[in-house]
Amino acid sequence: MDTQNIPSFVLAAGFFTDAELQQLASYGALPSPALVDAFQYEPEIQELMNAFIGDESSRQVHQYLKAREFLAAGAVEKAWKIILL
């Protein structure tokens, strides 16, 4: 996947560095909706999502922060999954 093929909402967020966008682009294809859906039930992710119920803006920021943690650890698929939730 080229950075031009990264979903527009990710690019528009202006949250990720060029290097992080390259990491995301290097993954190939986006995870399937079924994989993304299943990811939300992992305890760590469920805790993150529940912490910001009713505060969409803060939840999204913390999702992106978690994605950056995953990228720093080389877990690009997990980064995509948290971004796409």
Protein backbone atom coordinates (compact mmCIF):
# COMPACT_ATOMS: atom_id res chain seq x y z
CA MET A 1 0.00 0.00 0.00
CA ASP A 2 1.30 3.43 -0.91
CA THR A 3 0.76 6.32 1.51
CA GLN A 4 -1.69 7.69 -1.08
CA ASN A 5 -3.84 4.62 -0.38
CA ILE A 6 -4.02 5.25 3.36
CA PRO A 7 -7.61 6.20 4.28
CA SER A 8 -8.16 9.95 4.12
CA PHE A 9 -9.30 10.21 7.74
CA VAL A 10 -5.89 8.91 8.87
CA LEU A 11 -4.02 11.42 6.74
CA ALA A 12 -6.37 14.27 7.69
CA ALA A 13 -5.86 13.60 11.39
CA GLY A 14 -2.30 14.89 11.07
CA PHE A 15 -1.42 12.70 14.04
CA PHE A 16 1.14 10.35 12.52
CA THR A 17 4.68 11.18 11.42
CA ASP A 18 5.83 10.49 7.88
CA ALA A 19 7.79 7.50 9.17
CA GLU A 20 4.69 6.11 10.90
CA LEU A 21 2.63 6.62 7.75
CA GLN A 22 5.29 4.71 5.82
CA GLN A 23 5.03 1.87 8.34
CA LEU A 24 1.27 1.81 7.92
CA ALA A 25 1.62 1.89 4.13
CA SER A 26 4.11 -0.98 4.21
CA TYR A 27 1.53 -3.35 5.68
CA GLY A 28 -0.05 -4.10 2.33
CA ALA A 29 -3.81 -4.48 2.72
CA LEU A 30 -6.01 -3.24 5.53
CA PRO A 31 -7.15 -5.86 8.06
CA SER A 32 -10.58 -7.28 7.30
CA PRO A 33 -13.61 -5.87 9.11
CA ALA A 34 -13.97 -9.21 10.93
CA LEU A 35 -10.41 -8.98 12.29
CA VAL A 36 -10.94 -5.36 13.35
CA ASP A 37 -14.21 -6.27 15.05
CA ALA A 38 -12.62 -9.17 16.94
CA PHE A 39 -9.75 -6.91 18.06
CA GLN A 40 -12.08 -4.68 20.07
CA TYR A 41 -12.72 -7.56 22.47
CA GLU A 42 -9.09 -7.93 23.53
CA PRO A 43 -8.97 -6.84 27.19
CA GLU A 44 -6.42 -4.05 26.68
CA ILE A 45 -8.41 -2.57 23.80
CA GLN A 46 -11.76 -2.98 25.54
CA GLU A 47 -10.39 -1.09 28.55
CA LEU A 48 -9.16 1.74 26.32
CA MET A 49 -12.46 2.02 24.46
CA ASN A 50 -14.57 1.89 27.62
CA ALA A 51 -12.50 4.59 29.32
CA PHE A 52 -13.75 7.19 26.85
CA ILE A 53 -17.42 6.31 26.33
CA GLY A 54 -19.24 9.50 25.43
CA ASP A 55 -16.02 11.40 24.65
CA GLU A 56 -15.36 10.61 20.99
CA SER A 57 -12.57 13.16 20.61
CA SER A 58 -10.52 11.87 23.54
CA ARG A 59 -11.16 8.27 22.54
CA GLN A 60 -9.82 8.89 19.06
CA VAL A 61 -6.70 10.62 20.38
CA HIS A 62 -6.03 7.68 22.69
CA GLN A 63 -6.65 5.21 19.86
CA TYR A 64 -4.04 7.02 17.79
CA LEU A 65 -1.62 7.11 20.73
CA LYS A 66 -2.08 3.35 21.12
CA ALA A 67 -1.51 2.91 17.38
CA ARG A 68 1.77 4.82 17.73
CA GLU A 69 2.78 2.47 20.57
CA PHE A 70 2.03 -0.51 18.34
CA LEU A 71 4.01 1.02 15.47
CA ALA A 72 7.00 1.67 17.76
CA ALA A 73 6.88 -2.02 18.70
CA GLY A 74 6.64 -3.07 15.04
CA ALA A 75 3.06 -4.32 15.43
CA VAL A 76 1.68 -2.71 12.27
CA GLU A 77 -1.38 -4.95 12.00
CA LYS A 78 -2.43 -4.07 15.55
CA ALA A 79 -1.86 -0.38 14.76
CA TRP A 80 -4.22 -0.66 11.80
CA LYS A 81 -6.82 -2.49 13.85
CA ILE A 82 -6.94 0.18 16.58
CA ILE A 83 -7.06 2.94 13.96
CA LEU A 84 -9.96 1.27 12.15
CA LEU A 85 -12.09 0.64 15.25
